[in-house]
Amino acid sequence: MSAVADQPIELVLATHNQGKVAEFQRMLGARIPGLVVLPYEGPVPVEDGTTFAENALIKARAAVAHTGRIALADDSGLCVDILGGAPGIFSARWSGTHADADANLRLLLAQLGDVRRPNRNAHFHCTIALVVPGADGSEPREFLAEGEWAGSISYEPRGSYGHGYDPIFEPDGREVTAAELRPDEKNAESHRGRAFEALIPQLQAVLAELG
């Protein structure tokens, strides 16, 4: 990847969340020297897909259409077995259109109030979409990488790290919640970390092809 290191290549992360941009820059910059992750400053598309993959692609396609650059987007959520995989793609707005993370968490705990172990199994899922603009009017190329993190739902929130449902998610093989793991520990085994690892070979191949 010396060509990438010698001449920086920029890609757009389809999010307005500056914290996520910084996170992806750290992860990608450590693996692909010279790669610069830029925030997306265009219009926000309607995420009306029925799967994580569809929503991730919707966001990445919109970023490519607006910027003409290579774009990444991720879509993730918590899937609870006994709820048929819900909240799933609705994780961020589980308690309503204007929901916040605490309201979502409290609603989910209430819905599982009478459910005992081992029927509280769940997993986090993440899909990352990579969309590469086509050359000379050709269609963009699209790649997907996925990761899952299995665990169960605790009876009450614990921990001060992380965000969203992390305080009530206990990863398999752990006696702590995701919010009790240090960020470096979480990133090493989380759904997003696993999707990221699956993405790296695809992204490296694209960048090597572009020179």
N, C-alpha and C. Protein backbone atom coordinates (compact mmCIF):
# COMPACT_ATOMS: atom_id res chain seq x y z
N MET A 1 0.81 -1.20 0.00
CA MET A 1 0.00 0.00 0.00
C MET A 1 0.85 1.26 0.00
N SER A 2 2.06 1.17 -0.58
CA SER A 2 2.94 2.33 -0.57
C SER A 2 2.35 3.49 -1.34
N ALA A 3 1.56 3.20 -2.41
CA ALA A 3 0.97 4.27 -3.19
C ALA A 3 0.00 5.08 -2.37
N VAL A 4 -0.72 4.39 -1.48
CA VAL A 4 -1.65 5.10 -0.62
C VAL A 4 -0.91 5.98 0.35
N ALA A 5 0.21 5.45 0.90
CA ALA A 5 0.97 6.22 1.87
C ALA A 5 1.59 7.46 1.24
N ASP A 6 2.06 7.31 -0.05
CA ASP A 6 2.73 8.43 -0.71
C ASP A 6 1.74 9.52 -1.11
N GLN A 7 0.56 9.13 -1.52
CA GLN A 7 -0.43 10.09 -1.97
C GLN A 7 -1.74 9.82 -1.25
N PRO A 8 -2.10 10.63 -0.26
CA PRO A 8 -3.30 10.37 0.54
C PRO A 8 -4.55 10.21 -0.32
N ILE A 9 -5.36 9.23 0.05
CA ILE A 9 -6.64 9.03 -0.61
C ILE A 9 -7.74 9.37 0.39
N GLU A 10 -8.71 10.13 -0.07
CA GLU A 10 -9.80 10.56 0.79
C GLU A 10 -11.06 9.75 0.49
N LEU A 11 -11.75 9.38 1.54
CA LEU A 11 -13.06 8.78 1.39
C LEU A 11 -14.02 9.45 2.35
N VAL A 12 -15.29 9.35 2.06
CA VAL A 12 -16.31 10.00 2.87
C VAL A 12 -17.02 8.97 3.73
N LEU A 13 -17.21 9.28 5.01
CA LEU A 13 -18.01 8.45 5.89
C LEU A 13 -19.39 9.07 5.96
N ALA A 14 -20.39 8.32 5.55
CA ALA A 14 -21.74 8.86 5.42
C ALA A 14 -22.42 9.00 6.78
N THR A 15 -21.96 10.00 7.52
CA THR A 15 -22.56 10.32 8.81
C THR A 15 -22.27 11.78 9.13
N HIS A 16 -23.13 12.38 9.92
CA HIS A 16 -22.88 13.73 10.41
C HIS A 16 -22.33 13.68 11.84
N ASN A 17 -22.10 12.47 12.33
CA ASN A 17 -21.57 12.27 13.68
C ASN A 17 -20.05 12.39 13.66
N GLN A 18 -19.53 13.51 14.20
CA GLN A 18 -18.09 13.74 14.17
C GLN A 18 -17.33 12.71 14.99
N GLY A 19 -17.96 12.21 16.05
CA GLY A 19 -17.30 11.19 16.87
C GLY A 19 -17.08 9.91 16.08
N LYS A 20 -18.05 9.53 15.26
CA LYS A 20 -17.91 8.33 14.44
C LYS A 20 -16.84 8.54 13.37
N VAL A 21 -16.78 9.74 12.81
CA VAL A 21 -15.74 10.04 11.82
C VAL A 21 -14.35 9.87 12.44
N ALA A 22 -14.19 10.40 13.65
CA ALA A 22 -12.90 10.28 14.34
C ALA A 22 -12.57 8.83 14.65
N GLU A 23 -13.60 8.05 15.04
CA GLU A 23 -13.39 6.64 15.35
C GLU A 23 -12.93 5.87 14.10
N PHE A 24 -13.60 6.09 12.97
CA PHE A 24 -13.22 5.41 11.74
C PHE A 24 -11.84 5.86 11.27
N GLN A 25 -11.53 7.14 11.45
CA GLN A 25 -10.21 7.64 11.06
C GLN A 25 -9.11 6.94 11.85
N ARG A 26 -9.34 6.75 13.15
CA ARG A 26 -8.36 6.05 13.99
C ARG A 26 -8.18 4.61 13.52
N MET A 27 -9.29 3.91 13.31
CA MET A 27 -9.22 2.50 12.94
C MET A 27 -8.61 2.31 11.56
N LEU A 28 -9.07 3.11 10.59
CA LEU A 28 -8.58 2.95 9.23
C LEU A 28 -7.17 3.49 9.07
N GLY A 29 -6.88 4.62 9.73
CA GLY A 29 -5.56 5.21 9.62
C GLY A 29 -4.47 4.31 10.16
N ALA A 30 -4.81 3.52 11.17
CA ALA A 30 -3.83 2.60 11.75
C ALA A 30 -3.53 1.43 10.81
N ARG A 31 -4.48 1.09 9.97
CA ARG A 31 -4.31 -0.07 9.08
C ARG A 31 -3.90 0.33 7.67
N ILE A 32 -4.32 1.52 7.23
CA ILE A 32 -4.02 1.97 5.87
C ILE A 32 -3.43 3.37 5.95
N PRO A 33 -2.11 3.49 6.09
CA PRO A 33 -1.47 4.80 6.21
C PRO A 33 -1.81 5.70 5.03
N GLY A 34 -2.07 6.95 5.32
CA GLY A 34 -2.35 7.92 4.28
C GLY A 34 -3.80 8.04 3.91
N LEU A 35 -4.66 7.19 4.48
CA LEU A 35 -6.08 7.26 4.18
C LEU A 35 -6.74 8.32 5.08
N VAL A 36 -7.50 9.21 4.48
CA VAL A 36 -8.16 10.29 5.22
C VAL A 36 -9.68 10.08 5.16
N VAL A 37 -10.31 10.06 6.32
CA VAL A 37 -11.76 9.90 6.40
C VAL A 37 -12.41 11.27 6.59
N LEU A 38 -13.27 11.63 5.67
CA LEU A 38 -13.94 12.93 5.71
C LEU A 38 -15.39 12.79 6.16
N PRO A 39 -15.92 13.79 6.85
CA PRO A 39 -17.34 13.76 7.22
C PRO A 39 -18.21 14.05 6.00
N TYR A 40 -19.42 13.55 6.01
CA TYR A 40 -20.37 13.80 4.93
C TYR A 40 -21.18 15.04 5.28
N GLU A 41 -21.22 15.99 4.35
CA GLU A 41 -21.90 17.26 4.63
C GLU A 41 -23.11 17.48 3.72
N GLY A 42 -23.56 16.44 3.07
CA GLY A 42 -24.69 16.56 2.16
C GLY A 42 -26.02 16.24 2.83
N PRO A 43 -27.09 16.17 2.04
CA PRO A 43 -28.43 15.88 2.56
C PRO A 43 -28.50 14.46 3.15
N VAL A 44 -29.32 14.32 4.18
CA VAL A 44 -29.48 13.03 4.83
C VAL A 44 -30.57 12.23 4.12
N PRO A 45 -30.26 11.05 3.62
CA PRO A 45 -31.27 10.27 2.90
C PRO A 45 -32.26 9.62 3.87
N VAL A 46 -33.40 9.24 3.35
CA VAL A 46 -34.40 8.51 4.14
C VAL A 46 -33.96 7.05 4.22
N GLU A 47 -33.78 6.57 5.44
CA GLU A 47 -33.37 5.17 5.63
C GLU A 47 -34.62 4.31 5.69
N ASP A 48 -35.12 3.93 4.53
CA ASP A 48 -36.36 3.16 4.48
C ASP A 48 -36.13 1.71 4.07
N GLY A 49 -34.91 1.24 4.25
CA GLY A 49 -34.61 -0.16 3.97
C GLY A 49 -35.20 -1.07 5.04
N THR A 50 -35.26 -2.34 4.75
CA THR A 50 -35.81 -3.31 5.69
C THR A 50 -34.73 -4.16 6.35
N THR A 51 -33.46 -3.91 5.99
CA THR A 51 -32.35 -4.63 6.59
C THR A 51 -31.21 -3.66 6.88
N PHE A 52 -30.27 -4.09 7.70
CA PHE A 52 -29.09 -3.27 7.97
C PHE A 52 -28.33 -2.99 6.68
N ALA A 53 -28.20 -4.01 5.83
CA ALA A 53 -27.45 -3.84 4.59
C ALA A 53 -28.10 -2.80 3.69
N GLU A 54 -29.42 -2.86 3.57
CA GLU A 54 -30.11 -1.89 2.71
C GLU A 54 -29.91 -0.46 3.22
N ASN A 55 -30.02 -0.26 4.51
CA ASN A 55 -29.86 1.09 5.06
C ASN A 55 -28.43 1.59 4.94
N ALA A 56 -27.46 0.71 5.15
CA ALA A 56 -26.06 1.11 4.99
C ALA A 56 -25.79 1.52 3.54
N LEU A 57 -26.33 0.77 2.60
CA LEU A 57 -26.14 1.09 1.18
C LEU A 57 -26.84 2.39 0.80
N ILE A 58 -28.01 2.63 1.35
CA ILE A 58 -28.73 3.88 1.07
C ILE A 58 -27.85 5.08 1.45
N LYS A 59 -27.24 5.01 2.61
CA LYS A 59 -26.41 6.12 3.09
C LYS A 59 -25.13 6.27 2.27
N ALA A 60 -24.48 5.14 1.96
CA ALA A 60 -23.23 5.20 1.20
C ALA A 60 -23.50 5.68 -0.23
N ARG A 61 -24.57 5.20 -0.84
CA ARG A 61 -24.91 5.64 -2.21
C ARG A 61 -25.18 7.14 -2.25
N ALA A 62 -25.89 7.65 -1.25
CA ALA A 62 -26.19 9.08 -1.21
C ALA A 62 -24.91 9.90 -1.11
N ALA A 63 -23.96 9.42 -0.32
CA ALA A 63 -22.69 10.14 -0.16
C ALA A 63 -21.90 10.13 -1.46
N VAL A 64 -21.90 9.02 -2.18
CA VAL A 64 -21.20 8.95 -3.46
C VAL A 64 -21.86 9.89 -4.47
N ALA A 65 -23.19 9.87 -4.52
CA ALA A 65 -23.91 10.72 -5.47
C ALA A 65 -23.65 12.20 -5.21
N HIS A 66 -23.50 12.57 -3.94
CA HIS A 66 -23.32 13.98 -3.58
C HIS A 66 -21.88 14.44 -3.73
N THR A 67 -20.92 13.56 -3.44
CA THR A 67 -19.52 13.96 -3.39
C THR A 67 -18.67 13.43 -4.55
N GLY A 68 -19.09 12.33 -5.15
CA GLY A 68 -18.27 11.71 -6.18
C GLY A 68 -17.07 10.95 -5.63
N ARG A 69 -16.97 10.82 -4.33
CA ARG A 69 -15.86 10.13 -3.69
C ARG A 69 -16.27 8.72 -3.25
N ILE A 70 -15.26 7.90 -2.94
CA ILE A 70 -15.51 6.62 -2.30
C ILE A 70 -16.21 6.90 -0.97
N ALA A 71 -17.21 6.10 -0.65
CA ALA A 71 -17.96 6.35 0.58
C ALA A 71 -18.15 5.07 1.40
N LEU A 72 -18.15 5.27 2.70
CA LEU A 72 -18.45 4.21 3.66
C LEU A 72 -19.68 4.62 4.46
N ALA A 73 -20.47 3.63 4.87
CA ALA A 73 -21.59 3.88 5.79
C ALA A 73 -21.81 2.63 6.60
N ASP A 74 -22.22 2.79 7.83
CA ASP A 74 -22.54 1.61 8.62
C ASP A 74 -23.95 1.73 9.18
N ASP A 75 -24.57 0.59 9.40
CA ASP A 75 -25.87 0.54 10.06
C ASP A 75 -25.81 -0.61 11.05
N SER A 76 -26.25 -0.35 12.26
CA SER A 76 -26.11 -1.36 13.30
C SER A 76 -27.27 -1.28 14.27
N GLY A 77 -27.41 -2.33 15.07
CA GLY A 77 -28.48 -2.34 16.06
C GLY A 77 -28.43 -3.57 16.92
N LEU A 78 -29.31 -3.60 17.90
CA LEU A 78 -29.42 -4.70 18.85
C LEU A 78 -30.59 -5.59 18.45
N CYS A 79 -30.36 -6.89 18.42
CA CYS A 79 -31.40 -7.86 18.04
C CYS A 79 -31.63 -8.82 19.21
N VAL A 80 -32.84 -8.83 19.76
CA VAL A 80 -33.18 -9.67 20.91
C VAL A 80 -33.99 -10.87 20.43
N ASP A 81 -33.52 -12.06 20.75
CA ASP A 81 -34.13 -13.28 20.22
C ASP A 81 -35.62 -13.38 20.53
N ILE A 82 -35.99 -13.19 21.78
CA ILE A 82 -37.37 -13.39 22.18
C ILE A 82 -38.31 -12.33 21.61
N LEU A 83 -37.75 -11.24 21.12
CA LEU A 83 -38.55 -10.20 20.46
C LEU A 83 -38.51 -10.35 18.95
N GLY A 84 -38.09 -11.52 18.48
CA GLY A 84 -38.06 -11.77 17.05
C GLY A 84 -37.01 -10.96 16.31
N GLY A 85 -35.95 -10.59 16.99
CA GLY A 85 -34.88 -9.81 16.37
C GLY A 85 -35.01 -8.31 16.54
N ALA A 86 -36.07 -7.85 17.19
CA ALA A 86 -36.24 -6.43 17.49
C ALA A 86 -35.32 -6.05 18.66
N PRO A 87 -34.99 -4.76 18.78
CA PRO A 87 -35.34 -3.61 17.95
C PRO A 87 -34.75 -3.62 16.54
N GLY A 88 -33.62 -4.31 16.33
CA GLY A 88 -33.05 -4.43 15.00
C GLY A 88 -32.76 -3.09 14.35
N ILE A 89 -33.27 -2.92 13.11
CA ILE A 89 -32.99 -1.68 12.38
C ILE A 89 -33.66 -0.47 13.01
N PHE A 90 -34.57 -0.70 13.97
CA PHE A 90 -35.24 0.41 14.65
C PHE A 90 -34.60 0.73 16.00
N SER A 91 -33.41 0.21 16.25
CA SER A 91 -32.77 0.35 17.56
C SER A 91 -32.64 1.80 18.01
N ALA A 92 -32.27 2.69 17.09
CA ALA A 92 -32.03 4.09 17.47
C ALA A 92 -33.31 4.85 17.78
N ARG A 93 -34.45 4.35 17.34
CA ARG A 93 -35.71 5.04 17.58
C ARG A 93 -36.78 4.09 18.14
N TRP A 94 -36.34 3.17 18.99
CA TRP A 94 -37.22 2.13 19.52
C TRP A 94 -38.36 2.71 20.35
N SER A 95 -38.11 3.78 21.05
CA SER A 95 -39.16 4.36 21.91
C SER A 95 -39.87 5.53 21.24
N GLY A 96 -39.66 5.73 19.94
CA GLY A 96 -40.35 6.80 19.22
C GLY A 96 -39.42 7.54 18.28
N THR A 97 -40.02 8.32 17.40
CA THR A 97 -39.25 9.05 16.38
C THR A 97 -38.21 9.95 16.99
N HIS A 98 -38.55 10.59 18.11
CA HIS A 98 -37.61 11.52 18.75
C HIS A 98 -36.98 10.89 19.99
N ALA A 99 -36.79 9.59 19.93
CA ALA A 99 -36.28 8.86 21.09
C ALA A 99 -34.83 9.21 21.38
N ASP A 100 -34.44 9.06 22.65
CA ASP A 100 -33.03 9.15 23.00
C ASP A 100 -32.58 7.80 23.53
N ALA A 101 -31.27 7.66 23.69
CA ALA A 101 -30.71 6.36 24.05
C ALA A 101 -31.24 5.84 25.38
N ASP A 102 -31.40 6.73 26.35
CA ASP A 102 -31.88 6.29 27.66
C ASP A 102 -33.32 5.80 27.58
N ALA A 103 -34.15 6.49 26.82
CA ALA A 103 -35.55 6.07 26.67
C ALA A 103 -35.63 4.72 25.96
N ASN A 104 -34.81 4.52 24.95
CA ASN A 104 -34.80 3.24 24.25
C ASN A 104 -34.42 2.11 25.18
N LEU A 105 -33.38 2.34 25.97
CA LEU A 105 -32.88 1.33 26.90
C LEU A 105 -33.95 0.97 27.93
N ARG A 106 -34.58 1.99 28.51
CA ARG A 106 -35.59 1.75 29.55
C ARG A 106 -36.80 1.00 28.99
N LEU A 107 -37.20 1.34 27.77
CA LEU A 107 -38.33 0.64 27.16
C LEU A 107 -38.00 -0.83 26.93
N LEU A 108 -36.80 -1.10 26.44
CA LEU A 108 -36.43 -2.49 26.19
C LEU A 108 -36.39 -3.30 27.48
N LEU A 109 -35.84 -2.72 28.53
CA LEU A 109 -35.82 -3.42 29.82
C LEU A 109 -37.24 -3.70 30.31
N ALA A 110 -38.14 -2.75 30.13
CA ALA A 110 -39.53 -2.94 30.55
C ALA A 110 -40.18 -4.07 29.75
N GLN A 111 -39.89 -4.13 28.46
CA GLN A 111 -40.47 -5.18 27.62
C GLN A 111 -39.96 -6.57 28.00
N LEU A 112 -38.78 -6.62 28.59
CA LEU A 112 -38.21 -7.90 29.02
C LEU A 112 -38.36 -8.12 30.52
N GLY A 113 -39.23 -7.33 31.15
CA GLY A 113 -39.35 -7.36 32.60
C GLY A 113 -39.65 -8.73 33.18
N ASP A 114 -40.48 -9.53 32.50
CA ASP A 114 -40.86 -10.85 33.02
C ASP A 114 -40.07 -11.99 32.38
N VAL A 115 -39.10 -11.64 31.58
CA VAL A 115 -38.31 -12.66 30.88
C VAL A 115 -37.05 -12.96 31.68
N ARG A 116 -36.85 -14.23 31.98
CA ARG A 116 -35.68 -14.63 32.76
C ARG A 116 -34.67 -15.33 31.86
N ARG A 117 -33.47 -15.45 32.35
CA ARG A 117 -32.45 -16.20 31.63
C ARG A 117 -32.87 -17.67 31.55
N PRO A 118 -32.55 -18.38 30.47
CA PRO A 118 -31.68 -18.02 29.35
C PRO A 118 -32.44 -17.41 28.17
N ASN A 119 -33.60 -16.86 28.42
CA ASN A 119 -34.41 -16.33 27.32
C ASN A 119 -34.16 -14.84 27.04
N ARG A 120 -33.02 -14.34 27.49
CA ARG A 120 -32.68 -12.94 27.25
C ARG A 120 -31.52 -12.81 26.25
N ASN A 121 -31.33 -13.86 25.45
CA ASN A 121 -30.23 -13.85 24.47
C ASN A 121 -30.44 -12.76 23.43
N ALA A 122 -29.33 -12.19 22.98
CA ALA A 122 -29.38 -11.10 22.00
C ALA A 122 -28.04 -11.01 21.29
N HIS A 123 -27.99 -10.22 20.25
CA HIS A 123 -26.71 -9.93 19.61
C HIS A 123 -26.77 -8.55 18.98
N PHE A 124 -25.61 -7.93 18.92
CA PHE A 124 -25.44 -6.69 18.15
C PHE A 124 -25.05 -7.09 16.73
N HIS A 125 -25.57 -6.34 15.77
CA HIS A 125 -25.21 -6.57 14.37
C HIS A 125 -24.74 -5.26 13.74
N CYS A 126 -23.74 -5.35 12.88
CA CYS A 126 -23.27 -4.18 12.14
C CYS A 126 -22.99 -4.57 10.69
N THR A 127 -23.48 -3.77 9.77
CA THR A 127 -23.13 -3.91 8.36
C THR A 127 -22.46 -2.61 7.90
N ILE A 128 -21.30 -2.73 7.28
CA ILE A 128 -20.60 -1.58 6.70
C ILE A 128 -20.67 -1.71 5.19
N ALA A 129 -21.13 -0.65 4.54
CA ALA A 129 -21.20 -0.61 3.09
C ALA A 129 -20.07 0.25 2.53
N LEU A 130 -19.42 -0.24 1.51
CA LEU A 130 -18.38 0.48 0.77
C LEU A 130 -18.87 0.65 -0.66
N VAL A 131 -18.99 1.89 -1.11
CA VAL A 131 -19.44 2.16 -2.47
C VAL A 131 -18.36 2.97 -3.19
N VAL A 132 -17.96 2.47 -4.35
CA VAL A 132 -16.88 3.08 -5.13
C VAL A 132 -17.48 3.65 -6.41
N PRO A 133 -17.30 4.96 -6.66
CA PRO A 133 -17.86 5.56 -7.89
C PRO A 133 -17.35 4.85 -9.14
N GLY A 134 -18.22 4.72 -10.13
CA GLY A 134 -17.81 4.10 -11.38
C GLY A 134 -17.00 5.08 -12.24
N ALA A 135 -16.12 4.53 -13.04
CA ALA A 135 -15.30 5.37 -13.92
C ALA A 135 -15.99 5.51 -15.27
N ASP A 136 -15.90 6.71 -15.83
CA ASP A 136 -16.45 6.98 -17.18
C ASP A 136 -17.92 6.61 -17.30
N GLY A 137 -18.68 6.95 -16.26
CA GLY A 137 -20.12 6.74 -16.33
C GLY A 137 -20.59 5.34 -15.99
N SER A 138 -19.68 4.44 -15.64
CA SER A 138 -20.09 3.09 -15.27
C SER A 138 -20.75 3.08 -13.90
N GLU A 139 -21.47 2.01 -13.60
CA GLU A 139 -22.17 1.91 -12.33
C GLU A 139 -21.19 1.80 -11.16
N PRO A 140 -21.53 2.40 -10.01
CA PRO A 140 -20.68 2.25 -8.82
C PRO A 140 -20.57 0.78 -8.42
N ARG A 141 -19.46 0.44 -7.80
CA ARG A 141 -19.28 -0.90 -7.24
C ARG A 141 -19.59 -0.87 -5.76
N GLU A 142 -20.21 -1.93 -5.28
CA GLU A 142 -20.65 -1.96 -3.89
C GLU A 142 -20.14 -3.21 -3.18
N PHE A 143 -19.71 -3.02 -1.94
CA PHE A 143 -19.20 -4.11 -1.12
C PHE A 143 -19.84 -4.02 0.26
N LEU A 144 -20.06 -5.17 0.88
CA LEU A 144 -20.63 -5.22 2.23
C LEU A 144 -19.74 -6.05 3.14
N ALA A 145 -19.64 -5.61 4.40
CA ALA A 145 -18.93 -6.37 5.43
C ALA A 145 -19.81 -6.39 6.67
N GLU A 146 -19.91 -7.54 7.31
CA GLU A 146 -20.82 -7.68 8.45
C GLU A 146 -20.11 -8.25 9.66
N GLY A 147 -20.63 -7.92 10.83
CA GLY A 147 -20.11 -8.46 12.07
C GLY A 147 -21.21 -8.59 13.11
N GLU A 148 -21.11 -9.61 13.95
CA GLU A 148 -22.08 -9.81 15.02
C GLU A 148 -21.35 -10.04 16.35
N TRP A 149 -22.03 -9.67 17.43
CA TRP A 149 -21.47 -9.80 18.78
C TRP A 149 -22.56 -10.42 19.65
N ALA A 150 -22.40 -11.67 20.01
CA ALA A 150 -23.44 -12.40 20.74
C ALA A 150 -23.36 -12.13 22.24
N GLY A 151 -24.53 -12.17 22.90
CA GLY A 151 -24.58 -11.96 24.33
C GLY A 151 -25.99 -12.10 24.86
N SER A 152 -26.29 -11.38 25.91
CA SER A 152 -27.61 -11.41 26.52
C SER A 152 -27.90 -10.06 27.16
N ILE A 153 -29.16 -9.85 27.51
CA ILE A 153 -29.57 -8.59 28.11
C ILE A 153 -29.57 -8.70 29.63
N SER A 154 -28.89 -7.79 30.28
CA SER A 154 -28.83 -7.78 31.75
C SER A 154 -30.16 -7.30 32.32
N TYR A 155 -30.30 -7.41 33.65
CA TYR A 155 -31.54 -6.98 34.28
C TYR A 155 -31.55 -5.50 34.61
N GLU A 156 -30.38 -4.90 34.62
CA GLU A 156 -30.28 -3.47 34.90
C GLU A 156 -29.01 -2.91 34.26
N PRO A 157 -28.98 -1.60 33.98
CA PRO A 157 -27.80 -1.00 33.34
C PRO A 157 -26.59 -1.01 34.28
N ARG A 158 -25.41 -1.23 33.68
CA ARG A 158 -24.15 -1.15 34.42
C ARG A 158 -23.07 -0.61 33.49
N GLY A 159 -22.23 0.25 34.05
CA GLY A 159 -21.08 0.73 33.30
C GLY A 159 -21.25 2.15 32.77
N SER A 160 -20.12 2.81 32.56
CA SER A 160 -20.14 4.21 32.13
C SER A 160 -19.48 4.43 30.78
N TYR A 161 -18.90 3.37 30.20
CA TYR A 161 -18.34 3.49 28.85
C TYR A 161 -19.44 3.25 27.82
N GLY A 162 -19.09 3.44 26.56
CA GLY A 162 -20.01 3.09 25.51
C GLY A 162 -21.20 4.00 25.40
N HIS A 163 -22.22 3.53 24.69
CA HIS A 163 -23.40 4.34 24.43
C HIS A 163 -24.55 3.42 24.05
N GLY A 164 -25.72 3.98 23.82
CA GLY A 164 -26.87 3.19 23.37
C GLY A 164 -27.23 2.09 24.35
N TYR A 165 -27.27 0.86 23.85
CA TYR A 165 -27.67 -0.29 24.67
C TYR A 165 -26.50 -0.96 25.38
N ASP A 166 -25.31 -0.39 25.25
CA ASP A 166 -24.12 -1.01 25.86
C ASP A 166 -24.29 -1.32 27.35
N PRO A 167 -24.94 -0.45 28.15
CA PRO A 167 -25.03 -0.74 29.58
C PRO A 167 -25.88 -1.96 29.94
N ILE A 168 -26.66 -2.50 28.98
CA ILE A 168 -27.49 -3.68 29.31
C ILE A 168 -27.11 -4.89 28.45
N PHE A 169 -26.02 -4.80 27.70
CA PHE A 169 -25.60 -5.92 26.86
C PHE A 169 -24.40 -6.61 27.49
N GLU A 170 -24.56 -7.90 27.83
CA GLU A 170 -23.49 -8.70 28.40
C GLU A 170 -22.95 -9.65 27.33
N PRO A 171 -21.75 -9.39 26.82
CA PRO A 171 -21.19 -10.27 25.78
C PRO A 171 -20.99 -11.69 26.30
N ASP A 172 -21.19 -12.67 25.44
CA ASP A 172 -20.94 -14.06 25.82
C ASP A 172 -19.51 -14.21 26.33
N GLY A 173 -19.36 -14.98 27.42
CA GLY A 173 -18.04 -15.21 27.98
C GLY A 173 -17.54 -14.11 28.90
N ARG A 174 -18.36 -13.09 29.09
CA ARG A 174 -18.01 -11.97 29.96
C ARG A 174 -18.99 -11.89 31.13
N GLU A 175 -18.53 -11.35 32.24
CA GLU A 175 -19.40 -11.10 33.38
C GLU A 175 -19.64 -9.61 33.57
N VAL A 176 -19.40 -8.86 32.52
CA VAL A 176 -19.59 -7.41 32.54
C VAL A 176 -20.43 -7.02 31.33
N THR A 177 -20.96 -5.81 31.37
CA THR A 177 -21.67 -5.31 30.19
C THR A 177 -20.68 -4.64 29.24
N ALA A 178 -21.15 -4.36 28.04
CA ALA A 178 -20.29 -3.68 27.06
C ALA A 178 -19.86 -2.32 27.57
N ALA A 179 -20.70 -1.70 28.40
CA ALA A 179 -20.38 -0.37 28.94
C ALA A 179 -19.36 -0.44 30.07
N GLU A 180 -19.04 -1.66 30.54
CA GLU A 180 -18.00 -1.82 31.55
C GLU A 180 -16.65 -2.20 30.93
N LEU A 181 -16.63 -2.39 29.62
CA LEU A 181 -15.38 -2.67 28.92
C LEU A 181 -14.71 -1.37 28.53
N ARG A 182 -13.38 -1.33 28.61
CA ARG A 182 -12.66 -0.18 28.10
C ARG A 182 -12.87 -0.08 26.59
N PRO A 183 -12.83 1.12 26.04
CA PRO A 183 -13.06 1.28 24.59
C PRO A 183 -12.19 0.37 23.73
N ASP A 184 -10.91 0.19 24.10
CA ASP A 184 -10.04 -0.65 23.29
C ASP A 184 -10.47 -2.12 23.37
N GLU A 185 -10.95 -2.55 24.56
CA GLU A 185 -11.44 -3.91 24.70
C GLU A 185 -12.70 -4.12 23.86
N LYS A 186 -13.61 -3.16 23.94
CA LYS A 186 -14.85 -3.26 23.18
C LYS A 186 -14.57 -3.29 21.68
N ASN A 187 -13.73 -2.40 21.20
CA ASN A 187 -13.46 -2.33 19.77
C ASN A 187 -12.83 -3.60 19.24
N ALA A 188 -12.09 -4.31 20.10
CA ALA A 188 -11.41 -5.53 19.67
C ALA A 188 -12.37 -6.68 19.42
N GLU A 189 -13.54 -6.66 20.05
CA GLU A 189 -14.44 -7.80 19.91
C GLU A 189 -15.86 -7.44 19.50
N SER A 190 -16.17 -6.17 19.35
CA SER A 190 -17.54 -5.75 19.06
C SER A 190 -17.97 -6.08 17.64
N HIS A 191 -19.27 -5.96 17.40
CA HIS A 191 -19.84 -6.16 16.07
C HIS A 191 -19.23 -5.20 15.05
N ARG A 192 -19.03 -3.94 15.43
CA ARG A 192 -18.44 -2.98 14.51
C ARG A 192 -16.97 -3.32 14.24
N GLY A 193 -16.26 -3.74 15.28
CA GLY A 193 -14.87 -4.14 15.10
C GLY A 193 -14.75 -5.33 14.17
N ARG A 194 -15.67 -6.28 14.28
CA ARG A 194 -15.62 -7.47 13.42
C ARG A 194 -15.99 -7.13 11.98
N ALA A 195 -16.98 -6.25 11.81
CA ALA A 195 -17.33 -5.81 10.46
C ALA A 195 -16.17 -5.04 9.84
N PHE A 196 -15.52 -4.23 10.65
CA PHE A 196 -14.38 -3.45 10.19
C PHE A 196 -13.26 -4.38 9.71
N GLU A 197 -12.97 -5.44 10.47
CA GLU A 197 -11.92 -6.37 10.07
C GLU A 197 -12.27 -7.06 8.76
N ALA A 198 -13.56 -7.37 8.56
CA ALA A 198 -14.00 -8.00 7.32
C ALA A 198 -13.91 -7.04 6.14
N LEU A 199 -14.03 -5.74 6.42
CA LEU A 199 -13.99 -4.73 5.38
C LEU A 199 -12.58 -4.46 4.87
N ILE A 200 -11.59 -4.53 5.75
CA ILE A 200 -10.23 -4.09 5.43
C ILE A 200 -9.69 -4.71 4.13
N PRO A 201 -9.78 -6.04 3.93
CA PRO A 201 -9.23 -6.59 2.67
C PRO A 201 -9.92 -6.03 1.43
N GLN A 202 -11.24 -5.82 1.51
CA GLN A 202 -11.97 -5.26 0.37
C GLN A 202 -11.51 -3.83 0.08
N LEU A 203 -11.36 -3.04 1.15
CA LEU A 203 -10.95 -1.65 0.97
C LEU A 203 -9.51 -1.57 0.47
N GLN A 204 -8.64 -2.41 1.00
CA GLN A 204 -7.25 -2.41 0.54
C GLN A 204 -7.17 -2.77 -0.95
N ALA A 205 -7.99 -3.73 -1.38
CA ALA A 205 -7.98 -4.11 -2.79
C ALA A 205 -8.44 -2.97 -3.69
N VAL A 206 -9.47 -2.25 -3.25
CA VAL A 206 -9.98 -1.13 -4.03
C VAL A 206 -8.92 -0.02 -4.14
N LEU A 207 -8.29 0.30 -3.02
CA LEU A 207 -7.29 1.36 -3.02
C LEU A 207 -6.07 0.98 -3.83
N ALA A 208 -5.67 -0.30 -3.77
CA ALA A 208 -4.53 -0.74 -4.56
C ALA A 208 -4.84 -0.64 -6.05
N GLU A 209 -6.07 -0.96 -6.40
CA GLU A 209 -6.49 -0.86 -7.81
C GLU A 209 -6.47 0.58 -8.30
N LEU A 210 -6.88 1.49 -7.42
CA LEU A 210 -6.91 2.91 -7.80
C LEU A 210 -5.51 3.52 -7.82
N GLY A 211 -4.58 2.85 -7.16
CA GLY A 211 -3.20 3.32 -7.18
C GLY A 211 -2.95 4.41 -6.21
